[in-house]
Amino acid sequence: MPDAVKQATAKYPSVQVSLDQVAEAAAGVNLARLAYLPRAEMLGQVNRATANNVFGLLLPQTVVSPISGPLLPTGASFASVWGTAVGLMINWEPFDFGRREAEVAAAAASKTRAEAAVARAELEVATATADAYLTALAAEQTVLSARAAVTRSQELVRLTEALVQADLRPGADLSRIQSEVLLAQAQVVRAEQAAATARATLAQFAGPGTPVNSFRALPPAAPPAGLAATHPVIREQRAAIDEIKSRQTVLDKSWYPRLNTQANVFGRGAGTNLNGPFPGGAAGLAPNTGNWAIGATVTFPLLEYKTLRARRQVEQQRISRESSRQSLLERELAAALDRARIAVSTARNLATITPRQVALLGQTLEQTTARYRAGLANLNEVTDTQRLLTQAEIDHALALLNVWRAELALAATQGDLNPFLSKVP
């Protein structure tokens, strides 16, 4: 079982999805850190256009292309000239009142939540794999008990056949016991179908061909333990709350002035000048006028205060919602832990009863069969005892496995399967 669980948690797609989310969140942290670096943009442009300019204001838009320079004295002309531009702009924000640090922290909180989701997914897959293993094992034990019932019925057929041939029993007894054999064989078929289905479920998690080894002993009892503080479900929920709080901190740092220092160097070329001649040819294809500039720009989102406050209130409500959800999860897990402890205690008590029941019914079957051979009991007594013995054997096998299943549920509720897996022989 530990090998099956290990293989499932390493390769099952849902765990891989969670690991991919962690990698995505880690990339988000690196992206947020890059905001500390200066930005540098380069430009290169060449165009062929007329040089007619007009006075007046043009509101920002994306249709009319802006041109620079005064009106040419030659008046309107549709002669075109070459124009070029090359430049470099460096923009850097030296300080930001902690906004970028808060954005990095928010990205790190998302990564922490993704890591907690991986732990939760691994616990879910490990629990499902171990449960599928126990289910497959229980189905195998049911098959063995059903086959034992067929063997006993066939032995009773041989006994009854001899008694009928000796005219010690009526022929109806032989027909009756032969029908019992068929019923037992049908039970074997149903048990084998259940076993094949259980193995297919196990193969879904741990891969095909996973061996299933039977357990012959009860798991050692352990002192009662409480809910783990690092339970993956609770840890993921706490990470979700921390992620929202980090986004709230980003909003708190957003209503501050933003200072950008800038350095710009550029050159432009034009195929005409202020006097208006159009020399033609390649004039303007190379920059012939250069400029540089350094400066700083301060921007302040003056009217964003109410918007940011409203967004902060939204995040605050999300914190309240997720905190309530955490309380609900803690209460549900505490109740599940109590139920799991009760299940373990009950399963262990039943596991001490079923062996005695099997032994007593085995003795009863021997005595009833002997009485039937001696003509002191009828066939119904023997077949009824056989059925009871078969059911008792199945109950005994399942009682042992139910202890393991209850221990599994207890470990899963506590949030750590390692103590349970260490008990597996």
Protein backbone atom coordinates (compact mmCIF):
# COMPACT_ATOMS: atom_id res chain seq x y z
CA MET A 1 0.00 0.00 0.00
CA PRO A 2 2.72 2.59 0.78
CA ASP A 3 4.22 2.00 -2.67
CA ALA A 4 0.82 2.42 -4.33
CA VAL A 5 0.19 5.65 -2.40
CA LYS A 6 3.65 6.98 -3.28
CA GLN A 7 3.17 6.23 -6.96
CA ALA A 8 -0.28 7.83 -7.01
CA THR A 9 0.79 11.05 -5.30
CA ALA A 10 3.74 11.33 -7.67
CA LYS A 11 1.88 10.79 -10.93
CA TYR A 12 -1.83 11.38 -10.49
CA PRO A 13 -3.00 14.25 -12.75
CA SER A 14 -4.80 16.25 -10.04
CA VAL A 15 -1.53 16.51 -8.07
CA GLN A 16 0.33 17.52 -11.22
CA VAL A 17 -2.24 20.25 -11.86
CA SER A 18 -1.59 21.64 -8.39
CA LEU A 19 2.18 21.49 -8.95
CA ASP A 20 1.73 23.40 -12.21
CA GLN A 21 -0.23 26.04 -10.31
CA VAL A 22 2.70 26.37 -7.89
CA ALA A 23 5.08 26.87 -10.81
CA GLU A 24 2.72 29.47 -12.27
CA ALA A 25 2.55 31.30 -8.94
CA ALA A 26 6.36 31.20 -8.63
CA ALA A 27 6.62 32.80 -12.06
CA GLY A 28 4.19 35.45 -10.83
CA VAL A 29 6.52 36.25 -7.92
CA ASN A 30 9.45 36.71 -10.32
CA LEU A 31 7.28 38.93 -12.52
CA ALA A 32 6.34 41.13 -9.56
CA ARG A 33 10.01 41.52 -8.60
CA LEU A 34 10.86 42.74 -12.09
CA ALA A 35 8.80 45.86 -11.39
CA TYR A 36 11.82 47.21 -9.45
CA LEU A 37 13.88 47.36 -12.65
CA PRO A 38 13.92 50.44 -14.91
CA ARG A 39 12.07 50.31 -18.19
CA ALA A 40 13.85 51.08 -21.46
CA GLU A 41 12.00 51.52 -24.73
CA MET A 42 13.57 52.04 -28.14
CA LEU A 43 11.93 53.53 -31.19
CA GLY A 44 12.75 53.51 -34.87
CA GLN A 45 10.44 54.95 -37.52
CA VAL A 46 10.46 56.02 -41.15
CA ASN A 47 7.56 57.55 -43.05
CA ARG A 48 6.67 59.48 -46.18
CA ALA A 49 4.12 62.24 -45.64
CA THR A 50 3.17 65.79 -46.43
CA ALA A 51 4.42 68.58 -44.15
CA ASN A 52 1.29 70.76 -43.89
CA ASN A 53 0.58 71.85 -40.32
CA VAL A 54 -2.24 73.81 -38.75
CA PHE A 55 -2.77 75.69 -35.52
CA GLY A 56 -5.31 74.48 -33.02
CA LEU A 57 -6.02 71.83 -30.43
CA LEU A 58 -6.53 68.20 -31.25
CA LEU A 59 -7.97 66.03 -28.48
CA PRO A 60 -6.32 62.65 -27.89
CA GLN A 61 -7.53 60.09 -30.41
CA THR A 62 -6.23 57.33 -32.70
CA VAL A 63 -7.32 58.52 -36.15
CA VAL A 64 -5.52 61.81 -37.05
CA SER A 65 -1.72 61.46 -36.96
CA PRO A 66 0.01 64.30 -35.10
CA ILE A 67 2.76 66.33 -36.81
CA SER A 68 5.21 68.79 -35.28
CA GLY A 69 6.70 72.10 -36.38
CA PRO A 70 5.28 75.51 -37.39
CA LEU A 71 3.26 76.34 -40.47
CA LEU A 72 5.33 76.46 -43.63
CA PRO A 73 5.32 79.84 -45.42
CA THR A 74 4.68 78.20 -48.78
CA GLY A 75 1.09 77.36 -47.82
CA ALA A 76 -0.71 74.14 -48.46
CA SER A 77 1.11 71.65 -50.61
CA PHE A 78 0.68 67.97 -51.18
CA ALA A 79 4.37 67.39 -51.85
CA SER A 80 5.66 64.66 -49.58
CA VAL A 81 9.00 64.24 -47.80
CA TRP A 82 10.75 61.57 -45.83
CA GLY A 83 10.63 61.63 -42.05
CA THR A 84 12.62 59.53 -39.59
CA ALA A 85 12.87 59.16 -35.84
CA VAL A 86 15.03 57.08 -33.51
CA GLY A 87 15.12 57.30 -29.75
CA LEU A 88 15.61 55.69 -26.36
CA MET A 89 13.51 56.32 -23.25
CA ILE A 90 14.54 55.04 -19.81
CA ASN A 91 11.90 55.20 -17.08
CA TRP A 92 12.56 54.24 -13.46
CA GLU A 93 10.53 54.57 -10.29
CA PRO A 94 13.11 54.95 -7.48
CA PHE A 95 10.65 54.65 -4.59
CA ASP A 96 6.97 53.83 -4.33
CA PHE A 97 5.94 53.92 -0.64
CA GLY A 98 5.99 50.12 -0.47
CA ARG A 99 3.59 49.43 -3.34
CA ARG A 100 5.88 47.11 -5.29
CA GLU A 101 6.91 45.31 -2.12
CA ALA A 102 3.22 44.71 -1.41
CA GLU A 103 2.71 43.39 -4.93
CA VAL A 104 5.60 40.94 -4.49
CA ALA A 105 4.13 39.86 -1.14
CA ALA A 106 0.74 39.33 -2.83
CA ALA A 107 2.36 37.15 -5.48
CA ALA A 108 4.21 35.20 -2.77
CA ALA A 109 0.91 34.69 -0.92
CA SER A 110 -0.58 33.22 -4.09
CA LYS A 111 2.37 30.84 -4.30
CA THR A 112 1.89 29.82 -0.66
CA ARG A 113 -1.76 29.08 -1.31
CA ALA A 114 -0.85 27.01 -4.38
CA GLU A 115 1.65 25.01 -2.30
CA ALA A 116 -1.05 24.37 0.30
CA ALA A 117 -3.33 23.19 -2.50
CA VAL A 118 -0.65 20.67 -3.51
CA ALA A 119 -0.57 19.26 0.03
CA ARG A 120 -4.37 19.00 0.04
CA ALA A 121 -4.42 17.29 -3.36
CA GLU A 122 -1.73 14.84 -2.25
CA LEU A 123 -3.71 14.00 0.90
CA GLU A 124 -6.89 13.45 -1.12
CA VAL A 125 -5.14 11.26 -3.68
CA ALA A 126 -3.26 9.29 -1.01
CA THR A 127 -6.47 8.70 0.95
CA ALA A 128 -8.38 7.64 -2.16
CA THR A 129 -5.56 5.30 -3.19
CA ALA A 130 -5.33 3.65 0.23
CA ASP A 131 -9.11 3.29 0.35
CA ALA A 132 -9.13 1.75 -3.14
CA TYR A 133 -6.39 -0.64 -2.00
CA LEU A 134 -8.45 -1.73 1.02
CA THR A 135 -11.54 -2.07 -1.14
CA ALA A 136 -9.67 -4.31 -3.56
CA LEU A 137 -8.33 -6.36 -0.68
CA ALA A 138 -11.82 -6.73 0.82
CA ALA A 139 -13.15 -7.86 -2.55
CA GLU A 140 -10.38 -10.46 -2.82
CA GLN A 141 -11.21 -11.78 0.65
CA THR A 142 -14.89 -12.04 -0.34
CA VAL A 143 -13.89 -14.09 -3.38
CA LEU A 144 -11.87 -16.48 -1.20
CA SER A 145 -14.78 -16.94 1.20
CA ALA A 146 -17.19 -17.53 -1.67
CA ARG A 147 -14.88 -20.15 -3.18
CA ALA A 148 -14.61 -21.86 0.21
CA ALA A 149 -18.41 -22.00 0.29
CA VAL A 150 -18.40 -23.71 -3.12
CA THR A 151 -15.89 -26.27 -1.88
CA ARG A 152 -17.99 -27.05 1.20
CA SER A 153 -21.14 -27.37 -0.93
CA GLN A 154 -19.39 -29.75 -3.30
CA GLU A 155 -18.24 -31.90 -0.40
CA LEU A 156 -21.81 -31.99 0.85
CA VAL A 157 -22.96 -33.03 -2.66
CA ARG A 158 -20.62 -36.04 -2.54
CA LEU A 159 -21.88 -36.97 0.92
CA THR A 160 -25.53 -36.60 -0.07
CA GLU A 161 -24.96 -38.54 -3.28
CA ALA A 162 -23.56 -41.47 -1.32
CA LEU A 163 -26.46 -41.35 1.13
CA VAL A 164 -29.02 -41.23 -1.70
CA GLN A 165 -27.39 -44.18 -3.45
CA ALA A 166 -27.57 -46.10 -0.16
CA ASP A 167 -31.28 -45.19 0.09
CA LEU A 168 -30.57 -43.36 3.33
CA ARG A 169 -31.72 -39.99 1.95
CA PRO A 170 -34.33 -39.01 -0.63
CA GLY A 171 -33.25 -37.91 -4.10
CA ALA A 172 -34.68 -34.46 -3.43
CA ASP A 173 -31.81 -33.82 -1.03
CA LEU A 174 -29.30 -34.31 -3.86
CA SER A 175 -31.15 -31.88 -6.12
CA ARG A 176 -31.34 -29.38 -3.29
CA ILE A 177 -27.66 -29.46 -2.48
CA GLN A 178 -26.74 -29.27 -6.16
CA SER A 179 -28.78 -26.07 -6.39
CA GLU A 180 -26.84 -24.81 -3.37
CA VAL A 181 -23.62 -25.38 -5.31
CA LEU A 182 -24.96 -23.32 -8.18
CA LEU A 183 -25.94 -20.51 -5.80
CA ALA A 184 -22.45 -20.56 -4.29
CA GLN A 185 -20.88 -20.46 -7.74
CA ALA A 186 -23.06 -17.49 -8.66
CA GLN A 187 -21.86 -15.78 -5.51
CA VAL A 188 -18.27 -16.39 -6.61
CA VAL A 189 -19.01 -14.78 -9.99
CA ARG A 190 -20.48 -11.69 -8.32
CA ALA A 191 -17.57 -11.52 -5.91
CA GLU A 192 -15.05 -11.78 -8.75
CA GLN A 193 -16.86 -8.98 -10.60
CA ALA A 194 -16.64 -6.77 -7.51
CA ALA A 195 -12.94 -7.65 -7.15
CA ALA A 196 -12.22 -6.78 -10.79
CA THR A 197 -14.03 -3.45 -10.38
CA ALA A 198 -12.07 -2.68 -7.22
CA ARG A 199 -8.76 -3.49 -8.97
CA ALA A 200 -9.75 -1.17 -11.83
CA THR A 201 -10.39 1.63 -9.35
CA LEU A 202 -7.02 1.00 -7.73
CA ALA A 203 -5.35 1.03 -11.15
CA GLN A 204 -6.88 4.47 -11.78
CA PHE A 205 -4.74 5.86 -8.97
CA ALA A 206 -1.66 3.64 -8.75
CA GLY A 207 -1.47 2.27 -12.29
CA PRO A 208 -2.29 -1.17 -13.71
CA GLY A 209 -0.79 -4.28 -12.20
CA THR A 210 -0.57 -2.92 -8.65
CA PRO A 211 -0.13 -5.95 -6.34
CA VAL A 212 -2.59 -6.33 -3.46
CA ASN A 213 -1.22 -8.09 -0.37
CA SER A 214 -3.56 -9.35 2.34
CA PHE A 215 -3.36 -8.16 5.96
CA ARG A 216 -3.42 -10.80 8.69
CA ALA A 217 -3.19 -8.60 11.77
CA LEU A 218 -4.88 -5.58 13.24
CA PRO A 219 -2.98 -2.27 13.12
CA PRO A 220 -1.38 -1.39 16.46
CA ALA A 221 -3.52 0.92 18.56
CA ALA A 222 -2.28 4.48 18.91
CA PRO A 223 -3.09 7.08 21.54
CA PRO A 224 -5.86 9.48 20.46
CA ALA A 225 -4.58 12.50 18.60
CA GLY A 226 -6.21 15.82 17.87
CA LEU A 227 -6.66 17.79 14.69
CA ALA A 228 -3.29 18.68 13.18
CA ALA A 229 -2.59 22.40 13.10
CA THR A 230 -0.94 21.85 9.73
CA HIS A 231 -3.92 20.03 8.20
CA PRO A 232 -3.68 20.73 4.45
CA VAL A 233 -7.31 21.87 4.22
CA ILE A 234 -6.92 24.37 7.08
CA ARG A 235 -3.51 25.48 5.83
CA GLU A 236 -4.93 26.13 2.37
CA GLN A 237 -7.81 28.13 3.85
CA ARG A 238 -5.43 30.23 5.94
CA ALA A 239 -3.33 30.83 2.84
CA ALA A 240 -6.45 32.01 1.02
CA ILE A 241 -7.11 34.54 3.77
CA ASP A 242 -3.48 35.71 3.72
CA GLU A 243 -3.69 36.12 -0.06
CA ILE A 244 -6.72 38.40 0.25
CA LYS A 245 -5.00 40.40 3.00
CA SER A 246 -1.96 40.88 0.78
CA ARG A 247 -4.18 42.20 -2.04
CA GLN A 248 -5.73 44.56 0.49
CA THR A 249 -2.26 45.83 1.39
CA VAL A 250 -1.59 46.55 -2.29
CA LEU A 251 -4.75 48.68 -2.37
CA ASP A 252 -3.59 50.51 0.76
CA LYS A 253 -0.33 51.39 -1.01
CA SER A 254 -1.97 52.49 -4.24
CA TRP A 255 -3.22 55.96 -3.18
CA TYR A 256 0.23 57.52 -3.06
CA PRO A 257 2.08 59.78 -5.50
CA ARG A 258 4.16 58.00 -8.11
CA LEU A 259 7.54 59.43 -9.01
CA ASN A 260 9.14 58.40 -12.29
CA THR A 261 12.61 59.56 -13.30
CA GLN A 262 13.12 59.67 -17.04
CA ALA A 263 16.00 59.97 -19.46
CA ASN A 264 15.42 60.40 -23.17
CA VAL A 265 17.70 60.68 -26.17
CA PHE A 266 16.33 60.87 -29.69
CA GLY A 267 16.99 62.14 -33.17
CA ARG A 268 14.65 63.13 -35.96
CA GLY A 269 15.04 63.77 -39.65
CA ALA A 270 12.74 65.72 -41.99
CA GLY A 271 12.85 66.23 -45.76
CA THR A 272 12.10 69.96 -45.48
CA ASN A 273 12.81 72.92 -43.21
CA LEU A 274 11.16 76.13 -41.99
CA ASN A 275 11.75 77.94 -45.27
CA GLY A 276 9.72 75.36 -47.06
CA PRO A 277 11.92 74.01 -49.91
CA PHE A 278 11.48 70.32 -50.75
CA PRO A 279 14.88 69.07 -51.85
CA GLY A 280 13.47 65.59 -52.57
CA GLY A 281 15.61 62.49 -53.04
CA ALA A 282 16.78 60.86 -49.83
CA ALA A 283 16.50 64.02 -47.73
CA GLY A 284 15.02 63.12 -44.33
CA LEU A 285 15.90 59.42 -44.43
CA ALA A 286 18.56 59.95 -41.77
CA PRO A 287 18.08 61.83 -38.48
CA ASN A 288 19.63 65.29 -38.73
CA THR A 289 18.39 66.83 -35.46
CA GLY A 290 19.23 65.34 -32.08
CA ASN A 291 17.90 65.99 -28.55
CA TRP A 292 18.27 64.68 -25.06
CA ALA A 293 16.31 65.20 -21.87
CA ILE A 294 16.27 64.14 -18.25
CA GLY A 295 13.53 64.81 -15.76
CA ALA A 296 11.04 63.47 -13.27
CA THR A 297 7.28 63.10 -13.39
CA VAL A 298 4.99 62.95 -10.37
CA THR A 299 1.46 61.58 -10.80
CA PHE A 300 -1.20 61.33 -8.14
CA PRO A 301 -4.53 59.48 -8.53
CA LEU A 302 -6.51 62.24 -6.88
CA LEU A 303 -10.00 60.91 -7.55
CA GLU A 304 -9.15 57.22 -7.06
CA TYR A 305 -9.57 57.37 -3.28
CA LYS A 306 -13.23 56.33 -3.23
CA THR A 307 -12.66 53.63 -5.81
CA LEU A 308 -9.75 52.19 -3.84
CA ARG A 309 -11.73 52.38 -0.61
CA ALA A 310 -14.63 50.51 -2.24
CA ARG A 311 -12.26 47.85 -3.56
CA ARG A 312 -10.75 47.56 -0.09
CA GLN A 313 -14.19 47.00 1.39
CA VAL A 314 -14.77 44.24 -1.14
CA GLU A 315 -11.54 42.55 -0.03
CA GLN A 316 -12.56 42.99 3.60
CA GLN A 317 -15.82 41.18 2.94
CA ARG A 318 -13.88 38.41 1.25
CA ILE A 319 -11.68 38.08 4.34
CA SER A 320 -14.81 37.82 6.49
CA ARG A 321 -16.26 35.18 4.18
CA GLU A 322 -13.09 33.08 4.10
CA SER A 323 -12.67 33.40 7.88
CA SER A 324 -16.19 32.07 8.35
CA ARG A 325 -15.39 29.26 5.94
CA GLN A 326 -12.28 28.42 7.96
CA SER A 327 -14.37 28.22 11.14
CA LEU A 328 -16.80 25.94 9.32
CA LEU A 329 -14.00 23.69 8.06
CA GLU A 330 -12.47 23.44 11.53
CA ARG A 331 -15.83 22.51 13.03
CA GLU A 332 -16.54 19.93 10.32
CA LEU A 333 -13.09 18.38 10.71
CA ALA A 334 -13.49 18.24 14.50
CA ALA A 335 -16.82 16.45 14.09
CA ALA A 336 -15.32 14.11 11.49
CA LEU A 337 -12.46 13.36 13.88
CA ASP A 338 -14.92 12.37 16.63
CA ARG A 339 -16.80 10.12 14.22
CA ALA A 340 -13.53 8.55 13.03
CA ARG A 341 -12.51 7.75 16.62
CA ILE A 342 -15.88 6.12 17.24
CA ALA A 343 -15.52 4.13 14.01
CA VAL A 344 -12.06 2.89 15.05
CA SER A 345 -13.30 1.79 18.46
CA THR A 346 -16.34 0.04 17.01
CA ALA A 347 -14.33 -1.69 14.28
CA ARG A 348 -11.80 -2.99 16.81
CA ASN A 349 -14.56 -4.35 19.05
CA LEU A 350 -16.19 -6.16 16.12
CA ALA A 351 -12.83 -7.58 15.04
CA THR A 352 -12.58 -9.35 18.41
CA ILE A 353 -16.02 -10.96 17.98
CA THR A 354 -15.91 -12.32 14.44
CA PRO A 355 -13.07 -14.88 14.97
CA ARG A 356 -15.04 -16.59 17.74
CA GLN A 357 -18.14 -16.55 15.57
CA VAL A 358 -16.29 -18.28 12.72
CA ALA A 359 -14.85 -20.90 15.07
CA LEU A 360 -18.24 -21.67 16.63
CA LEU A 361 -20.01 -21.93 13.29
CA GLY A 362 -17.24 -24.19 11.98
CA GLN A 363 -17.82 -26.52 14.91
CA THR A 364 -21.57 -26.30 14.39
CA LEU A 365 -21.20 -27.21 10.71
CA GLU A 366 -19.10 -30.28 11.58
CA GLN A 367 -21.63 -31.42 14.15
CA THR A 368 -24.62 -30.75 11.89
CA THR A 369 -22.97 -32.59 8.99
CA ALA A 370 -22.25 -35.56 11.25
CA ARG A 371 -25.84 -35.59 12.45
CA TYR A 372 -27.03 -35.38 8.84
CA ARG A 373 -24.79 -38.33 7.91
CA ALA A 374 -26.28 -40.27 10.83
CA GLY A 375 -29.83 -39.37 9.81
CA LEU A 376 -30.42 -37.17 12.86
CA ALA A 377 -30.64 -33.82 10.99
CA ASN A 378 -32.18 -32.68 7.75
CA LEU A 379 -30.44 -31.00 4.84
CA ASN A 380 -31.85 -27.56 5.62
CA GLU A 381 -29.94 -27.47 8.88
CA VAL A 382 -26.68 -28.20 7.08
CA THR A 383 -27.20 -25.68 4.26
CA ASP A 384 -28.34 -22.97 6.67
CA THR A 385 -25.23 -23.52 8.78
CA GLN A 386 -23.06 -23.41 5.68
CA ARG A 387 -24.54 -20.06 4.69
CA LEU A 388 -24.03 -18.68 8.17
CA LEU A 389 -20.42 -19.87 8.17
CA THR A 390 -19.73 -18.30 4.76
CA GLN A 391 -21.22 -15.01 5.89
CA ALA A 392 -19.26 -15.17 9.14
CA GLU A 393 -16.02 -15.76 7.23
CA ILE A 394 -16.75 -12.77 5.02
CA ASP A 395 -17.65 -10.67 8.06
CA HIS A 396 -14.43 -11.72 9.77
CA ALA A 397 -12.30 -10.77 6.76
CA LEU A 398 -14.11 -7.46 6.39
CA ALA A 399 -13.95 -6.73 10.12
CA LEU A 400 -10.15 -6.81 9.96
CA LEU A 401 -10.13 -4.55 6.93
CA ASN A 402 -12.71 -2.24 8.46
CA VAL A 403 -10.28 -1.56 11.29
CA TRP A 404 -7.68 -0.54 8.73
CA ARG A 405 -10.26 1.55 6.87
CA ALA A 406 -11.32 3.29 10.08
CA GLU A 407 -7.67 3.97 10.94
CA LEU A 408 -7.25 5.39 7.43
CA ALA A 409 -10.24 7.70 7.88
CA LEU A 410 -8.86 8.83 11.24
CA ALA A 411 -5.44 9.61 9.76
CA ALA A 412 -7.00 11.43 6.79
CA THR A 413 -9.12 13.53 9.14
CA GLN A 414 -6.03 14.39 11.14
CA GLY A 415 -4.36 15.50 7.91
CA ASP A 416 -1.35 13.14 7.84
CA LEU A 417 -1.29 9.57 6.47
CA ASN A 418 2.33 8.83 7.36
CA PRO A 419 1.55 7.41 10.84
CA PHE A 420 -1.08 5.15 9.25
CA LEU A 421 1.18 3.99 6.42
CA SER A 422 3.95 3.18 8.90
CA LYS A 423 1.63 0.57 10.47
CA VAL A 424 1.08 -1.28 7.19
CA PRO A 425 2.96 -4.62 7.22
